[in-house]
Amino acid sequence: MQVFTTTALVLAAGLACSGDSAQPAPEACACIGSTTIAGDATDRSGLSGEVHPGVPHGRLGSMGSGLDCMDTFPGGAHLLAVNDRGPADGAAPFHCRFQRMTLRVDPANAKPVQITHDATDTLKRPDGKPFIGLGSELGTLTLANGEVVSNRLDPEAIRQLPSGNVLVSEEYMPAVLEFDPHGAFVRTWPIPSMFRCQRPGADEAAEMPPANTSGRQPNRGLEGMAITPKGVVWTIPQSPLLQDGALNAKGKRAGRNVRMLCLGSEPGATTMRQVVYPLDSASYGLNELLALDEQRFLVIERDGPAAKFRRIYVIDASNATDVSSVVSLPSNDLPEGVRPVSKRLLVDLADPASGVARTPEKIEGLCFGPTLPDGRRTLVVSSDNDMQGDESTCLWVFALPAWTQPTP
C-alpha cells in the first residue's frame, strides 16, 4: 500500500461572479488541505520496462486527468483516477488504464488529507488487447453491430454508472466508451458526427485545417464528463469545434463558444441536447465537468503554462438554448435568441485566498469526496503531471458551500 504526503489545514475565501463583477460569496469554498503523489511512484499494473526513454511503463503519473467517487464511508471515499494517453504527447505506446484510490479526510487531523493507491486496471479493446495512447496508431475495429472502435485512446474523464460500469471520455475520435469495473470493453455511446474528427492523422498538425474543417480541434476533444443524480450523462470538449469559429486564418484559437453535450441515460438516447458554454477567453480551455444536480455543474476553466487563470465555475443549463440543430456557431457573440449556460465563480485557484499555494499547469480532475461531520460536502481537485518523474500529482480537498447543494 502506498501512502502519500499531506499538508496542514488552510482556509479559503470564495467569490460569486455575475458577468465581469465579483463580490464575496454568501458562504466561502474552504480548502481543507492537500496531498501529493510523487511523480516517480509506481502503479499496480505489473508492467515492466520503459514505455518511453526514461519513463517506466508502470509509472503512476498522469492519473489526475480525471477523478470519480465510487462510494464514501465515514471520513473517506473510494476514488477512480484515469491516466491520459501517457508520456511524450502521444508518441509512446502507453497502455491506457485507471487507478483505484482510497481518500481520507479529517479536518481536525494534523494531516487532514491522506490518499492510498489500491489497484490498477488496464482499459482493454473488444479483442482483449490494451488500448494504447500512441497517436500514430490509426487502426480501428468494426464490431458485429457496426460500432467502430479506435485502437488509440486518450482518456480524460471517468465516471461510474449506476450499473457499476465506468464511462471514459477521450480526445482522439473523440468518443465515450463504457467498460466493466475492471476495464473490459462493453460498448460505445454514440455522439453526434459534428464532434468527430473526420480525417484522423498521426499527429496534431495532420488533423488541422484544411484536412479537417469540422469536429474537435486536435488534442482538444471530450475533456470533461458528468453523470447527474438521475443517471444522465453530459460531456464537453476542451475547446470549440472547428466549425464553430474555433480558429482564425492563422490557425490560432479564436472561438469562445463550446458545445456541452447531453447524451441521456442510455447509449443512443433520443434526448440528446447541446448547450453553449462561453469561455472567458478564446485562449482558455475546459478540463472537467461534475454534476451538482440535474442542471447545475462544476467546470474547470483554465489557461495554459502561464498558470494565471484557473477557475472552478458553477454553471446552470436549465435556461440554456438547445443548439443541436445549429450547424455552425460564431466565434464570439451568439445569435439572437440563443442563451448560453449561466456561470458563477466557485473558487479561483490562482488567487492565494483559495488556499492553493501553487498551481501546476494542468488542473484537470474533479469529484466529490466524503461528507464532513458538519454536513458539508467535499470536492476533490487533481492535477495531471504528464508522467514527469520530478513533478508530483497534487490533490486538494475543499468543503463546498451550502448554495451548491443539489436542488430538487
Protein backbone atom coordinates (compact mmCIF):
# COMPACT_ATOMS: atom_id res chain seq x y z
CA MET A 1 0.00 0.00 0.00
CA GLN A 2 1.38 3.39 -0.98
CA VAL A 3 0.62 6.30 1.36
CA PHE A 4 1.38 9.81 0.18
CA THR A 5 2.22 13.06 1.94
CA THR A 6 -0.23 15.75 3.05
CA THR A 7 -0.22 19.40 4.04
CA ALA A 8 -1.85 21.07 7.00
CA LEU A 9 -5.28 22.70 7.18
CA VAL A 10 -5.78 26.01 5.40
CA LEU A 11 -8.87 28.15 4.86
CA ALA A 12 -10.03 29.85 1.69
CA ALA A 13 -12.28 32.71 0.70
CA GLY A 14 -14.90 32.35 -2.03
CA LEU A 15 -16.28 34.66 -4.72
CA ALA A 16 -19.56 34.92 -6.53
CA CYS A 17 -19.44 36.13 -10.12
CA SER A 18 -22.03 37.82 -12.30
CA GLY A 19 -20.71 38.95 -15.66
CA ASP A 20 -17.44 40.78 -15.03
CA SER A 21 -18.22 41.74 -11.44
CA ALA A 22 -17.21 39.78 -8.37
CA GLN A 23 -18.30 40.04 -4.74
CA PRO A 24 -17.98 37.90 -1.60
CA ALA A 25 -19.96 34.68 -1.81
CA PRO A 26 -22.71 34.04 0.74
CA GLU A 27 -20.54 31.21 2.01
CA ALA A 28 -16.93 30.50 1.20
CA CYS A 29 -15.47 27.45 -0.51
CA ALA A 30 -12.98 26.28 2.14
CA CYS A 31 -9.76 24.40 1.42
CA ILE A 32 -9.43 21.59 3.94
CA GLY A 33 -5.97 20.52 2.85
CA SER A 34 -3.97 18.80 0.14
CA THR A 35 -1.80 15.82 -0.65
CA THR A 36 0.81 14.98 -3.26
CA ILE A 37 1.74 11.77 -5.06
CA ALA A 38 5.37 11.50 -6.09
CA GLY A 39 5.96 11.78 -9.83
CA ASP A 40 8.09 8.63 -9.85
CA ALA A 41 5.56 6.48 -7.93
CA THR A 42 4.72 3.06 -9.37
CA ASP A 43 1.20 1.79 -10.05
CA ARG A 44 -0.10 -1.79 -9.74
CA SER A 45 -0.35 -2.61 -13.45
CA GLY A 46 2.60 -5.01 -13.27
CA LEU A 47 4.03 -3.54 -16.48
CA SER A 48 7.82 -3.59 -16.70
CA GLY A 49 10.41 -1.86 -18.84
CA GLU A 50 10.23 1.63 -20.29
CA VAL A 51 7.36 2.87 -22.44
CA HIS A 52 9.45 5.90 -23.45
CA PRO A 53 13.12 6.71 -22.73
CA GLY A 54 13.39 7.38 -19.01
CA VAL A 55 9.72 6.59 -18.32
CA PRO A 56 8.82 3.23 -16.71
CA HIS A 57 5.66 1.71 -18.18
CA GLY A 58 4.31 1.15 -14.67
CA ARG A 59 4.58 4.78 -13.60
CA LEU A 60 1.55 6.11 -11.71
CA GLY A 61 1.76 9.60 -13.24
CA SER A 62 -0.99 11.42 -15.16
CA MET A 63 -3.70 9.75 -13.07
CA GLY A 64 -5.04 13.21 -12.18
CA SER A 65 -6.55 13.61 -15.66
CA GLY A 66 -9.95 12.56 -14.35
CA LEU A 67 -11.46 11.55 -11.00
CA ASP A 68 -14.67 10.00 -9.77
CA CYS A 69 -16.02 8.92 -6.40
CA MET A 70 -17.25 5.31 -6.31
CA ASP A 71 -18.56 5.41 -2.75
CA THR A 72 -17.98 7.10 0.59
CA PHE A 73 -17.57 5.96 4.17
CA PRO A 74 -17.21 7.99 7.39
CA GLY A 75 -14.17 10.19 6.85
CA GLY A 76 -13.27 8.82 3.45
CA ALA A 77 -14.08 7.78 -0.11
CA HIS A 78 -13.01 5.27 -2.74
CA LEU A 79 -11.95 7.02 -5.94
CA LEU A 80 -11.29 6.20 -9.57
CA ALA A 81 -8.46 8.10 -11.26
CA VAL A 82 -7.86 7.81 -15.01
CA ASN A 83 -4.50 8.20 -16.73
CA ASP A 84 -4.39 10.05 -20.04
CA ARG A 85 -2.54 8.79 -23.14
CA GLY A 86 0.81 8.66 -21.35
CA PRO A 87 4.16 10.41 -21.85
CA ALA A 88 5.54 12.32 -24.83
CA ASP A 89 2.23 13.78 -26.08
CA GLY A 90 1.06 10.61 -27.77
CA ALA A 91 4.43 9.41 -29.04
CA ALA A 92 4.52 6.33 -26.78
CA PRO A 93 2.56 3.02 -26.89
CA PHE A 94 1.29 3.56 -23.34
CA HIS A 95 -1.26 1.01 -22.08
CA CYS A 96 -4.26 3.11 -21.04
CA ARG A 97 -5.50 2.46 -17.52
CA PHE A 98 -7.30 3.72 -14.45
CA GLN A 99 -6.37 3.62 -10.79
CA ARG A 100 -8.30 2.88 -7.61
CA MET A 101 -7.51 5.11 -4.63
CA THR A 102 -8.72 5.49 -1.05
CA LEU A 103 -9.07 9.07 0.20
CA ARG A 104 -9.34 10.00 3.88
CA VAL A 105 -10.33 13.48 5.05
CA ASP A 106 -10.21 14.68 8.67
CA PRO A 107 -10.11 18.48 9.17
CA ALA A 108 -9.09 18.01 12.81
CA ASN A 109 -6.00 15.96 11.92
CA ALA A 110 -2.55 17.48 11.52
CA LYS A 111 -2.60 15.72 8.14
CA PRO A 112 -6.18 16.43 7.07
CA VAL A 113 -5.93 14.74 3.65
CA GLN A 114 -4.40 11.33 3.01
CA ILE A 115 -4.59 9.05 -0.01
CA THR A 116 -3.50 5.49 -0.72
CA HIS A 117 -3.18 3.70 -4.05
CA ASP A 118 -5.03 0.39 -4.08
CA ALA A 119 -5.19 -1.11 -7.59
CA THR A 120 -4.69 -0.58 -11.33
CA ASP A 121 -6.96 -1.76 -14.18
CA THR A 122 -5.97 -1.52 -17.85
CA LEU A 123 -8.51 -0.49 -20.49
CA LYS A 124 -8.98 -3.33 -22.97
CA ARG A 125 -10.25 -3.26 -26.55
CA PRO A 126 -13.09 -5.52 -27.74
CA ASP A 127 -10.43 -8.06 -28.85
CA GLY A 128 -8.91 -8.07 -25.36
CA LYS A 129 -5.75 -6.19 -26.33
CA PRO A 130 -4.92 -2.97 -24.46
CA PHE A 131 -5.96 0.42 -25.75
CA ILE A 132 -2.81 2.46 -26.31
CA GLY A 133 -2.10 6.17 -26.29
CA LEU A 134 0.06 6.18 -29.42
CA GLY A 135 -1.18 8.96 -31.70
CA SER A 136 0.06 7.27 -34.88
CA GLU A 137 -1.99 4.11 -34.19
CA LEU A 138 -4.83 4.87 -36.62
CA GLY A 139 -6.25 1.36 -36.81
CA THR A 140 -9.88 0.65 -35.91
CA LEU A 141 -12.05 -2.35 -35.10
CA THR A 142 -15.53 -2.72 -36.60
CA LEU A 143 -17.81 -4.74 -34.34
CA ALA A 144 -20.62 -7.03 -35.42
CA ASN A 145 -23.19 -4.35 -34.59
CA GLY A 146 -21.39 -1.80 -36.77
CA GLU A 147 -19.66 0.08 -33.96
CA VAL A 148 -16.25 1.42 -34.97
CA VAL A 149 -13.70 1.46 -32.16
CA SER A 150 -10.34 3.15 -32.49
CA ASN A 151 -7.22 1.32 -31.31
CA ARG A 152 -5.80 4.55 -29.82
CA LEU A 153 -7.26 6.23 -26.76
CA ASP A 154 -6.61 9.48 -24.91
CA PRO A 155 -8.71 9.22 -21.72
CA GLU A 156 -9.55 12.49 -20.00
CA ALA A 157 -12.59 11.81 -17.78
CA ILE A 158 -14.03 8.84 -15.90
CA ARG A 159 -17.40 8.36 -14.24
CA GLN A 160 -19.07 5.36 -12.62
CA LEU A 161 -22.52 4.46 -13.98
CA PRO A 162 -25.35 3.35 -11.68
CA SER A 163 -24.74 -0.20 -13.00
CA GLY A 164 -21.18 -0.18 -11.62
CA ASN A 165 -19.62 0.01 -15.08
CA VAL A 166 -17.42 3.00 -15.87
CA LEU A 167 -17.58 5.54 -18.67
CA VAL A 168 -14.42 7.07 -20.14
CA SER A 169 -14.44 10.09 -22.44
CA GLU A 170 -11.45 10.52 -24.72
CA GLU A 171 -9.98 13.07 -27.11
CA TYR A 172 -8.83 11.23 -30.23
CA MET A 173 -12.07 10.32 -32.04
CA PRO A 174 -13.47 11.72 -29.69
CA ALA A 175 -15.56 9.03 -28.03
CA VAL A 176 -17.38 7.94 -24.89
CA LEU A 177 -16.73 4.27 -24.07
CA GLU A 178 -18.22 2.01 -21.44
CA PHE A 179 -16.10 -0.57 -19.61
CA ASP A 180 -16.84 -3.12 -16.93
CA PRO A 181 -15.48 -2.38 -13.42
CA HIS A 182 -12.09 -3.88 -14.34
CA GLY A 183 -11.56 -2.25 -17.73
CA ALA A 184 -13.02 -4.72 -20.24
CA PHE A 185 -14.78 -3.02 -23.17
CA VAL A 186 -18.58 -3.12 -23.08
CA ARG A 187 -19.82 -0.67 -25.75
CA THR A 188 -19.54 2.85 -27.10
CA TRP A 189 -22.04 5.64 -26.51
CA PRO A 190 -22.90 7.34 -29.84
CA ILE A 191 -22.08 11.01 -30.17
CA PRO A 192 -23.14 13.36 -33.00
CA SER A 193 -20.86 13.26 -36.03
CA MET A 194 -20.31 17.02 -35.79
CA PHE A 195 -18.00 16.36 -32.80
CA ARG A 196 -15.83 13.78 -34.55
CA CYS A 197 -12.50 14.17 -36.30
CA GLN A 198 -13.40 13.31 -39.90
CA ARG A 199 -9.83 12.69 -41.10
CA PRO A 200 -7.64 11.35 -38.25
CA GLY A 201 -3.91 11.95 -38.58
CA ALA A 202 -0.78 10.56 -36.98
CA ASP A 203 -0.09 13.88 -35.24
CA GLU A 204 -1.87 17.12 -34.42
CA ALA A 205 -0.54 19.01 -37.44
CA ALA A 206 -2.06 16.41 -39.76
CA GLU A 207 -5.51 16.98 -38.25
CA MET A 208 -5.57 20.76 -38.60
CA PRO A 209 -7.43 22.60 -41.40
CA PRO A 210 -7.62 22.12 -44.31
CA ALA A 211 -7.51 18.38 -43.55
CA ASN A 212 -10.42 18.89 -41.13
CA THR A 213 -12.89 21.76 -41.13
CA SER A 214 -15.34 20.30 -38.62
CA GLY A 215 -15.23 18.31 -35.42
CA ARG A 216 -13.00 18.67 -32.41
CA GLN A 217 -9.73 20.57 -32.57
CA PRO A 218 -6.59 18.40 -32.42
CA ASN A 219 -5.95 17.24 -28.83
CA ARG A 220 -8.98 19.20 -27.60
CA GLY A 221 -11.74 16.59 -27.66
CA LEU A 222 -14.09 15.37 -24.92
CA GLU A 223 -12.22 16.58 -21.86
CA GLY A 224 -14.95 16.55 -19.22
CA MET A 225 -17.86 14.27 -18.33
CA ALA A 226 -20.60 14.23 -15.69
CA ILE A 227 -23.39 11.90 -14.62
CA THR A 228 -26.32 13.55 -12.87
CA PRO A 229 -28.03 12.03 -9.79
CA LYS A 230 -30.69 10.58 -12.16
CA GLY A 231 -28.03 8.95 -14.34
CA VAL A 232 -27.99 11.41 -17.25
CA VAL A 233 -24.59 11.66 -18.97
CA TRP A 234 -23.14 15.01 -20.13
CA THR A 235 -19.77 15.61 -21.78
CA ILE A 236 -17.87 18.64 -23.02
CA PRO A 237 -14.86 19.21 -25.29
CA GLN A 238 -11.89 21.27 -24.18
CA SER A 239 -12.49 23.96 -26.80
CA PRO A 240 -14.97 24.99 -29.52
CA LEU A 241 -15.46 22.71 -32.52
CA LEU A 242 -13.68 23.68 -35.73
CA GLN A 243 -16.95 24.64 -37.46
CA ASP A 244 -17.81 26.97 -34.56
CA GLY A 245 -15.23 29.61 -35.41
CA ALA A 246 -12.60 27.84 -33.34
CA LEU A 247 -9.53 29.09 -35.24
CA ASN A 248 -8.58 32.22 -37.14
CA ALA A 249 -6.93 32.30 -40.57
CA LYS A 250 -3.52 31.68 -38.95
CA GLY A 251 -4.73 28.61 -37.07
CA LYS A 252 -4.76 30.37 -33.68
CA ARG A 253 -7.58 29.84 -31.21
CA ALA A 254 -10.29 32.47 -31.72
CA GLY A 255 -13.59 30.86 -30.67
CA ARG A 256 -15.23 31.04 -27.24
CA ASN A 257 -18.43 29.01 -27.69
CA VAL A 258 -18.07 25.40 -26.53
CA ARG A 259 -20.86 22.86 -27.10
CA MET A 260 -21.80 20.91 -23.99
CA LEU A 261 -23.48 17.65 -24.98
CA CYS A 262 -26.19 15.71 -23.13
CA LEU A 263 -26.10 12.00 -24.06
CA GLY A 264 -29.08 10.92 -21.96
CA SER A 265 -29.15 7.94 -19.62
CA GLU A 266 -28.71 5.20 -22.26
CA PRO A 267 -26.49 4.89 -25.36
CA GLY A 268 -28.15 6.45 -28.38
CA ALA A 269 -30.85 8.17 -26.33
CA THR A 270 -33.26 10.39 -28.24
CA THR A 271 -32.95 13.05 -25.52
CA MET A 272 -29.59 14.35 -26.72
CA ARG A 273 -29.22 18.08 -26.20
CA GLN A 274 -26.47 20.66 -26.79
CA VAL A 275 -25.99 23.92 -24.92
CA VAL A 276 -23.29 26.58 -25.17
CA TYR A 277 -20.59 27.24 -22.57
CA PRO A 278 -18.91 30.62 -23.28
CA LEU A 279 -15.21 30.69 -22.40
CA ASP A 280 -13.91 33.78 -20.63
CA SER A 281 -11.20 33.93 -23.31
CA ALA A 282 -10.55 32.08 -26.55
CA SER A 283 -7.11 31.21 -25.19
CA TYR A 284 -8.59 29.22 -22.29
CA GLY A 285 -9.89 25.65 -22.23
CA LEU A 286 -12.14 23.37 -20.18
CA ASN A 287 -10.91 20.43 -18.17
CA GLU A 288 -13.71 18.76 -16.24
CA LEU A 289 -17.45 18.57 -15.66
CA LEU A 290 -19.15 17.41 -12.42
CA ALA A 291 -22.90 17.35 -11.79
CA LEU A 292 -24.27 19.08 -8.70
CA ASP A 293 -27.84 18.15 -9.71
CA GLU A 294 -29.76 17.69 -12.96
CA GLN A 295 -28.97 21.14 -14.42
CA ARG A 296 -26.04 22.57 -12.43
CA PHE A 297 -22.45 21.52 -12.92
CA LEU A 298 -18.94 22.37 -11.78
CA VAL A 299 -16.48 23.18 -14.59
CA ILE A 300 -12.73 23.81 -14.61
CA GLU A 301 -11.74 26.63 -16.95
CA ARG A 302 -8.05 27.48 -17.17
CA ASP A 303 -5.20 28.91 -19.21
CA GLY A 304 -2.04 27.03 -20.19
CA PRO A 305 1.58 27.16 -18.99
CA ALA A 306 1.21 30.69 -17.59
CA ALA A 307 -0.95 29.22 -14.80
CA LYS A 308 -2.56 32.58 -14.04
CA PHE A 309 -6.18 31.72 -14.81
CA ARG A 310 -7.65 28.57 -13.25
CA ARG A 311 -11.20 28.79 -12.00
CA ILE A 312 -13.94 26.41 -10.98
CA TYR A 313 -17.36 27.70 -12.03
CA VAL A 314 -20.86 26.58 -11.15
CA ILE A 315 -22.87 26.60 -14.37
CA ASP A 316 -26.63 26.25 -14.84
CA ALA A 317 -28.05 24.77 -18.07
CA SER A 318 -31.72 25.00 -17.12
CA ASN A 319 -32.43 28.10 -19.25
CA ALA A 320 -29.84 27.46 -21.97
CA THR A 321 -30.92 27.08 -25.59
CA ASP A 322 -30.62 23.71 -27.31
CA VAL A 323 -28.27 24.31 -30.26
CA SER A 324 -28.28 20.74 -31.61
CA SER A 325 -29.73 21.94 -34.91
CA VAL A 326 -27.29 24.86 -35.28
CA VAL A 327 -24.69 23.73 -37.81
CA SER A 328 -22.14 26.43 -37.01
CA LEU A 329 -21.79 28.85 -34.11
CA PRO A 330 -19.97 32.19 -34.36
CA SER A 331 -16.60 32.65 -32.67
CA ASN A 332 -17.91 35.07 -30.04
CA ASP A 333 -21.33 36.73 -29.89
CA LEU A 334 -24.18 34.23 -30.09
CA PRO A 335 -27.12 34.59 -32.49
CA GLU A 336 -30.16 36.42 -31.18
CA GLY A 337 -32.31 34.15 -29.06
CA VAL A 338 -29.52 31.71 -28.18
CA ARG A 339 -28.91 31.70 -24.42
CA PRO A 340 -25.73 30.07 -23.07
CA VAL A 341 -25.37 28.43 -19.67
CA SER A 342 -25.03 30.84 -16.76
CA LYS A 343 -21.74 30.93 -14.87
CA ARG A 344 -20.96 31.69 -11.23
CA LEU A 345 -17.47 31.58 -9.77
CA LEU A 346 -16.99 28.99 -7.04
CA VAL A 347 -13.25 29.35 -6.43
CA ASP A 348 -10.29 30.99 -8.17
CA LEU A 349 -7.39 28.59 -7.69
CA ALA A 350 -4.89 31.21 -8.88
CA ASP A 351 -5.91 33.51 -6.01
CA PRO A 352 -3.80 32.91 -2.87
CA ALA A 353 -7.01 33.28 -0.87
CA SER A 354 -8.12 29.93 -2.31
CA GLY A 355 -5.66 28.16 -0.04
CA VAL A 356 -3.80 26.67 -3.02
CA ALA A 357 -0.15 27.57 -2.56
CA ARG A 358 0.98 26.52 -6.04
CA THR A 359 -0.96 25.87 -9.21
CA PRO A 360 0.58 23.36 -11.64
CA GLU A 361 -0.09 23.90 -15.33
CA LYS A 362 -2.72 21.18 -15.65
CA ILE A 363 -5.52 21.14 -13.09
CA GLU A 364 -7.87 18.57 -14.60
CA GLY A 365 -9.88 16.35 -12.22
CA LEU A 366 -13.00 16.92 -10.11
CA CYS A 367 -15.07 14.59 -7.97
CA PHE A 368 -16.97 14.61 -4.71
CA GLY A 369 -15.39 13.29 -1.53
CA PRO A 370 -16.85 12.33 1.85
CA THR A 371 -19.35 14.46 3.72
CA LEU A 372 -17.79 16.26 6.68
CA PRO A 373 -19.12 15.83 10.25
CA ASP A 374 -20.76 19.27 9.99
CA GLY A 375 -22.73 18.15 6.91
CA ARG A 376 -20.70 19.94 4.22
CA ARG A 377 -19.95 18.01 1.03
CA THR A 378 -16.31 17.90 -0.07
CA LEU A 379 -14.83 18.46 -3.53
CA VAL A 380 -11.58 16.80 -4.67
CA VAL A 381 -9.45 18.58 -7.30
CA SER A 382 -6.45 16.96 -9.02
CA SER A 383 -3.59 17.88 -11.32
CA ASP A 384 -2.13 15.97 -14.27
CA ASN A 385 1.67 15.78 -14.09
CA ASP A 386 2.12 14.41 -17.65
CA MET A 387 4.07 11.47 -16.16
CA GLN A 388 7.04 13.68 -15.30
CA GLY A 389 9.12 11.96 -12.65
CA ASP A 390 10.09 15.24 -11.00
CA GLU A 391 6.55 16.67 -10.92
CA SER A 392 4.14 15.47 -8.23
CA THR A 393 0.45 14.88 -8.78
CA CYS A 394 -1.47 17.25 -6.49
CA LEU A 395 -4.88 16.75 -4.91
CA TRP A 396 -6.81 19.37 -2.95
CA VAL A 397 -9.95 18.88 -0.87
CA PHE A 398 -12.47 21.71 -0.47
CA ALA A 399 -15.60 21.99 1.63
CA LEU A 400 -18.44 23.16 -0.61
CA PRO A 401 -20.77 25.98 0.49
CA ALA A 402 -24.45 25.32 1.13
CA TRP A 403 -25.61 27.03 -2.06
CA THR A 404 -24.04 24.25 -4.14
CA GLN A 405 -26.20 21.55 -2.55
CA PRO A 406 -28.43 19.66 -5.01
CA THR A 407 -31.80 21.22 -5.78
CA PRO A 408 -34.94 19.08 -6.29
